[in-house]
Amino acid sequence: MRRVRAVGLAAVLVLALGACSQEYYDERGKADAPVAEQRGEDSPAEVFNFPDGFGNLATKCVGKGKRGYATTKSVQADDDDDEVVVIPANAVIVDDPTCAAP
């Protein structure tokens, strides 16, 4: 009986971990967009964490004189039914003279 449970648990773990692969996200359009054979600019963003239930905010310079702001997406469930509503992330780019050329 222990062996059956161990095999069952191993199967569940393999399936669960497989669902978190990069391929899983790429197929569903949830991964980062390709950058046309360029690495891109990888400096870290400044992140502001909000309480649970609110999207977090990240900001960084994204070019000469430009600052980008992005929020994380959030998932909400209606109280009346089990339907899940996904609110997409928002991104905004604004002028910021403090941002130097990359």
N, C-alpha and C. Protein backbone atom coordinates (compact mmCIF):
# COMPACT_ATOMS: atom_id res chain seq x y z
N MET A 1 0.82 -1.19 0.00
CA MET A 1 0.00 0.00 0.00
C MET A 1 0.87 1.26 0.00
N ARG A 2 1.96 1.25 0.78
CA ARG A 2 2.86 2.39 0.81
C ARG A 2 3.47 2.66 -0.56
N ARG A 3 3.79 1.58 -1.26
CA ARG A 3 4.40 1.72 -2.58
C ARG A 3 3.42 2.38 -3.55
N VAL A 4 2.18 2.00 -3.49
CA VAL A 4 1.15 2.58 -4.36
C VAL A 4 0.99 4.08 -4.07
N ARG A 5 0.98 4.43 -2.81
CA ARG A 5 0.88 5.84 -2.44
C ARG A 5 2.09 6.62 -2.92
N ALA A 6 3.28 6.06 -2.77
CA ALA A 6 4.51 6.73 -3.20
C ALA A 6 4.50 6.94 -4.71
N VAL A 7 4.08 5.94 -5.46
CA VAL A 7 4.02 6.06 -6.92
C VAL A 7 2.98 7.12 -7.31
N GLY A 8 1.84 7.10 -6.64
CA GLY A 8 0.80 8.09 -6.91
C GLY A 8 1.27 9.50 -6.62
N LEU A 9 1.95 9.69 -5.50
CA LEU A 9 2.48 10.99 -5.14
C LEU A 9 3.53 11.45 -6.15
N ALA A 10 4.39 10.55 -6.57
CA ALA A 10 5.40 10.89 -7.56
C ALA A 10 4.75 11.32 -8.88
N ALA A 11 3.70 10.63 -9.29
CA ALA A 11 3.00 10.98 -10.53
C ALA A 11 2.36 12.37 -10.43
N VAL A 12 1.76 12.65 -9.30
CA VAL A 12 1.14 13.97 -9.10
C VAL A 12 2.21 15.06 -9.14
N LEU A 13 3.35 14.83 -8.50
CA LEU A 13 4.43 15.82 -8.51
C LEU A 13 4.97 16.06 -9.91
N VAL A 14 5.14 15.01 -10.68
CA VAL A 14 5.63 15.16 -12.05
C VAL A 14 4.65 15.98 -12.88
N LEU A 15 3.38 15.69 -12.76
CA LEU A 15 2.37 16.46 -13.50
C LEU A 15 2.32 17.91 -13.05
N ALA A 16 2.40 18.14 -11.77
CA ALA A 16 2.34 19.50 -11.24
C ALA A 16 3.55 20.31 -11.68
N LEU A 17 4.73 19.73 -11.60
CA LEU A 17 5.93 20.44 -11.99
C LEU A 17 6.00 20.65 -13.50
N GLY A 18 5.47 19.71 -14.25
CA GLY A 18 5.44 19.85 -15.70
C GLY A 18 4.56 20.99 -16.14
N ALA A 19 3.54 21.29 -15.39
CA ALA A 19 2.62 22.38 -15.74
C ALA A 19 3.27 23.74 -15.53
N CYS A 20 4.39 23.80 -14.82
CA CYS A 20 5.05 25.07 -14.54
C CYS A 20 6.23 25.33 -15.48
N SER A 21 6.34 24.57 -16.55
CA SER A 21 7.48 24.70 -17.44
C SER A 21 7.37 25.96 -18.30
N GLN A 22 8.50 26.36 -18.86
CA GLN A 22 8.52 27.51 -19.76
C GLN A 22 7.62 27.25 -20.96
N GLU A 23 7.60 26.02 -21.44
CA GLU A 23 6.75 25.65 -22.57
C GLU A 23 5.28 25.92 -22.25
N TYR A 24 4.86 25.63 -21.05
CA TYR A 24 3.48 25.85 -20.61
C TYR A 24 3.11 27.32 -20.76
N TYR A 25 4.00 28.20 -20.32
CA TYR A 25 3.72 29.62 -20.41
C TYR A 25 3.80 30.12 -21.85
N ASP A 26 4.79 29.64 -22.62
CA ASP A 26 4.93 30.06 -24.01
C ASP A 26 3.69 29.71 -24.83
N GLU A 27 3.15 28.51 -24.64
CA GLU A 27 2.00 28.06 -25.40
C GLU A 27 0.76 28.89 -25.11
N ARG A 28 0.68 29.46 -23.95
CA ARG A 28 -0.52 30.19 -23.54
C ARG A 28 -0.34 31.71 -23.64
N GLY A 29 0.77 32.16 -24.21
CA GLY A 29 1.00 33.58 -24.37
C GLY A 29 1.27 34.31 -23.07
N LYS A 30 1.73 33.59 -22.04
CA LYS A 30 1.98 34.22 -20.75
C LYS A 30 3.45 34.48 -20.49
N ALA A 31 4.31 34.09 -21.41
CA ALA A 31 5.74 34.27 -21.21
C ALA A 31 6.16 35.65 -21.74
N ASP A 32 7.40 36.03 -21.47
CA ASP A 32 7.92 37.28 -22.01
C ASP A 32 7.95 37.22 -23.52
N ALA A 33 7.76 38.35 -24.15
CA ALA A 33 7.82 38.42 -25.61
C ALA A 33 9.26 38.24 -26.07
N PRO A 34 9.47 37.63 -27.22
CA PRO A 34 10.83 37.48 -27.73
C PRO A 34 11.44 38.84 -28.04
N VAL A 35 12.76 38.93 -27.97
CA VAL A 35 13.44 40.19 -28.18
C VAL A 35 14.32 40.12 -29.43
N ALA A 36 13.85 39.45 -30.46
CA ALA A 36 14.50 39.40 -31.78
C ALA A 36 16.01 39.20 -31.69
N GLU A 37 16.43 38.13 -31.06
CA GLU A 37 17.83 37.73 -30.95
C GLU A 37 18.69 38.76 -30.23
N GLN A 38 18.09 39.59 -29.42
CA GLN A 38 18.84 40.55 -28.61
C GLN A 38 18.59 40.23 -27.16
N ARG A 39 19.57 40.49 -26.34
CA ARG A 39 19.40 40.21 -24.92
C ARG A 39 18.49 41.23 -24.26
N GLY A 40 18.57 42.46 -24.69
CA GLY A 40 17.76 43.49 -24.05
C GLY A 40 18.44 44.04 -22.82
N GLU A 41 17.79 44.96 -22.19
CA GLU A 41 18.33 45.64 -21.02
C GLU A 41 17.75 44.96 -19.78
N ASP A 42 18.63 44.39 -18.94
CA ASP A 42 18.19 43.55 -17.83
C ASP A 42 18.34 44.18 -16.45
N SER A 43 18.52 45.49 -16.35
CA SER A 43 18.69 46.06 -15.02
C SER A 43 17.41 45.87 -14.21
N PRO A 44 17.54 45.75 -12.90
CA PRO A 44 16.35 45.51 -12.07
C PRO A 44 15.45 46.74 -12.01
N ALA A 45 14.19 46.49 -11.80
CA ALA A 45 13.21 47.57 -11.61
C ALA A 45 13.04 47.81 -10.11
N GLU A 46 12.58 48.99 -9.78
CA GLU A 46 12.23 49.28 -8.39
C GLU A 46 10.79 48.78 -8.20
N VAL A 47 10.57 47.94 -7.20
CA VAL A 47 9.27 47.31 -7.01
C VAL A 47 8.62 47.82 -5.73
N PHE A 48 7.34 48.13 -5.85
CA PHE A 48 6.55 48.55 -4.70
C PHE A 48 5.48 47.50 -4.47
N ASN A 49 5.55 46.83 -3.33
CA ASN A 49 4.60 45.78 -3.00
C ASN A 49 3.36 46.38 -2.34
N PHE A 50 2.20 45.97 -2.82
CA PHE A 50 0.94 46.39 -2.24
C PHE A 50 0.34 45.22 -1.47
N PRO A 51 -0.60 45.46 -0.59
CA PRO A 51 -1.22 44.37 0.18
C PRO A 51 -1.89 43.36 -0.75
N ASP A 52 -2.11 42.16 -0.25
CA ASP A 52 -2.78 41.13 -1.05
C ASP A 52 -4.09 41.68 -1.60
N GLY A 53 -4.40 41.29 -2.82
CA GLY A 53 -5.62 41.76 -3.46
C GLY A 53 -5.38 42.97 -4.34
N PHE A 54 -4.18 43.57 -4.28
CA PHE A 54 -3.84 44.72 -5.10
C PHE A 54 -2.61 44.36 -5.93
N GLY A 55 -2.55 44.85 -7.16
CA GLY A 55 -1.40 44.59 -8.01
C GLY A 55 -0.17 45.34 -7.51
N ASN A 56 1.01 44.74 -7.58
CA ASN A 56 2.25 45.41 -7.23
C ASN A 56 2.66 46.32 -8.37
N LEU A 57 3.57 47.23 -8.11
CA LEU A 57 4.01 48.21 -9.10
C LEU A 57 5.51 48.12 -9.26
N ALA A 58 5.97 48.14 -10.51
CA ALA A 58 7.41 48.16 -10.80
C ALA A 58 7.68 49.34 -11.72
N THR A 59 8.84 49.97 -11.54
CA THR A 59 9.21 51.11 -12.38
C THR A 59 10.71 51.08 -12.64
N LYS A 60 11.10 51.58 -13.82
CA LYS A 60 12.50 51.72 -14.17
C LYS A 60 12.62 52.58 -15.41
N CYS A 61 13.80 53.11 -15.65
CA CYS A 61 14.05 53.86 -16.87
C CYS A 61 14.08 52.87 -18.04
N VAL A 62 13.43 53.23 -19.12
CA VAL A 62 13.34 52.32 -20.27
C VAL A 62 13.91 52.94 -21.53
N GLY A 63 14.61 54.02 -21.40
CA GLY A 63 15.23 54.70 -22.53
C GLY A 63 15.57 56.11 -22.13
N LYS A 64 16.23 56.83 -23.03
CA LYS A 64 16.62 58.20 -22.70
C LYS A 64 15.38 59.04 -22.48
N GLY A 65 15.24 59.55 -21.26
CA GLY A 65 14.13 60.42 -20.92
C GLY A 65 12.79 59.73 -20.78
N LYS A 66 12.77 58.41 -20.65
CA LYS A 66 11.51 57.66 -20.55
C LYS A 66 11.54 56.73 -19.34
N ARG A 67 10.44 56.66 -18.61
CA ARG A 67 10.29 55.76 -17.46
C ARG A 67 9.07 54.90 -17.70
N GLY A 68 9.23 53.60 -17.41
CA GLY A 68 8.11 52.68 -17.55
C GLY A 68 7.58 52.28 -16.18
N TYR A 69 6.26 52.14 -16.12
CA TYR A 69 5.58 51.65 -14.92
C TYR A 69 4.76 50.44 -15.35
N ALA A 70 4.77 49.39 -14.55
CA ALA A 70 3.97 48.21 -14.85
C ALA A 70 3.39 47.65 -13.56
N THR A 71 2.17 47.14 -13.66
CA THR A 71 1.55 46.48 -12.51
C THR A 71 1.49 44.99 -12.78
N THR A 72 1.43 44.22 -11.73
CA THR A 72 1.24 42.79 -11.90
C THR A 72 -0.23 42.54 -12.20
N LYS A 73 -0.49 41.44 -12.87
CA LYS A 73 -1.90 41.11 -13.11
C LYS A 73 -2.49 40.53 -11.85
N SER A 74 -3.79 40.60 -11.74
CA SER A 74 -4.44 40.02 -10.57
C SER A 74 -5.56 39.09 -11.01
N VAL A 75 -5.91 38.19 -10.15
CA VAL A 75 -6.97 37.23 -10.42
C VAL A 75 -8.02 37.39 -9.34
N GLN A 76 -9.26 37.52 -9.77
CA GLN A 76 -10.35 37.70 -8.81
C GLN A 76 -11.43 36.66 -9.10
N ALA A 77 -12.06 36.20 -8.06
CA ALA A 77 -13.19 35.29 -8.20
C ALA A 77 -14.44 36.01 -7.72
N ASP A 78 -15.50 35.89 -8.50
CA ASP A 78 -16.77 36.49 -8.09
C ASP A 78 -17.32 35.73 -6.89
N ASP A 79 -17.97 36.44 -5.99
CA ASP A 79 -18.56 35.80 -4.82
C ASP A 79 -19.75 34.93 -5.19
N ASP A 80 -20.47 35.33 -6.25
CA ASP A 80 -21.69 34.62 -6.61
C ASP A 80 -21.45 33.28 -7.30
N ASP A 81 -20.35 33.17 -8.02
CA ASP A 81 -20.08 31.91 -8.72
C ASP A 81 -18.59 31.61 -8.66
N ASP A 82 -18.21 30.53 -9.29
CA ASP A 82 -16.81 30.11 -9.25
C ASP A 82 -16.00 30.66 -10.42
N GLU A 83 -16.57 31.56 -11.21
CA GLU A 83 -15.87 32.09 -12.37
C GLU A 83 -14.72 32.99 -11.92
N VAL A 84 -13.55 32.77 -12.51
CA VAL A 84 -12.36 33.55 -12.19
C VAL A 84 -12.19 34.63 -13.25
N VAL A 85 -11.94 35.85 -12.82
CA VAL A 85 -11.74 36.97 -13.72
C VAL A 85 -10.28 37.38 -13.62
N VAL A 86 -9.56 37.39 -14.75
CA VAL A 86 -8.16 37.78 -14.77
C VAL A 86 -8.08 39.22 -15.26
N ILE A 87 -7.50 40.08 -14.45
CA ILE A 87 -7.31 41.47 -14.81
C ILE A 87 -5.86 41.62 -15.29
N PRO A 88 -5.67 42.00 -16.56
CA PRO A 88 -4.30 42.03 -17.10
C PRO A 88 -3.44 43.12 -16.47
N ALA A 89 -2.15 42.94 -16.60
CA ALA A 89 -1.21 43.94 -16.11
C ALA A 89 -1.32 45.20 -16.97
N ASN A 90 -1.04 46.33 -16.39
CA ASN A 90 -1.04 47.60 -17.11
C ASN A 90 0.39 48.10 -17.21
N ALA A 91 0.71 48.73 -18.32
CA ALA A 91 2.03 49.33 -18.49
C ALA A 91 1.86 50.73 -19.04
N VAL A 92 2.67 51.64 -18.54
CA VAL A 92 2.63 53.04 -18.97
C VAL A 92 4.06 53.53 -19.10
N ILE A 93 4.33 54.31 -20.15
CA ILE A 93 5.64 54.94 -20.32
C ILE A 93 5.42 56.44 -20.31
N VAL A 94 6.18 57.14 -19.46
CA VAL A 94 6.03 58.59 -19.32
C VAL A 94 7.40 59.25 -19.48
N ASP A 95 7.38 60.55 -19.78
CA ASP A 95 8.62 61.32 -19.86
C ASP A 95 9.22 61.45 -18.47
N ASP A 96 10.53 61.26 -18.38
CA ASP A 96 11.25 61.43 -17.11
C ASP A 96 12.65 61.92 -17.44
N PRO A 97 12.91 63.21 -17.28
CA PRO A 97 14.22 63.77 -17.65
C PRO A 97 15.37 63.20 -16.82
N THR A 98 15.09 62.53 -15.71
CA THR A 98 16.16 61.95 -14.90
C THR A 98 16.68 60.65 -15.47
N CYS A 99 16.01 60.10 -16.47
CA CYS A 99 16.44 58.83 -17.08
C CYS A 99 17.48 59.12 -18.16
N ALA A 100 18.69 58.63 -17.96
CA ALA A 100 19.78 58.83 -18.92
C ALA A 100 19.71 57.79 -20.02
N ALA A 101 20.46 57.97 -21.04
CA ALA A 101 20.51 57.00 -22.15
C ALA A 101 21.09 55.69 -21.63
N PRO A 102 20.55 54.57 -22.10
CA PRO A 102 21.06 53.26 -21.63
C PRO A 102 22.47 52.98 -22.09
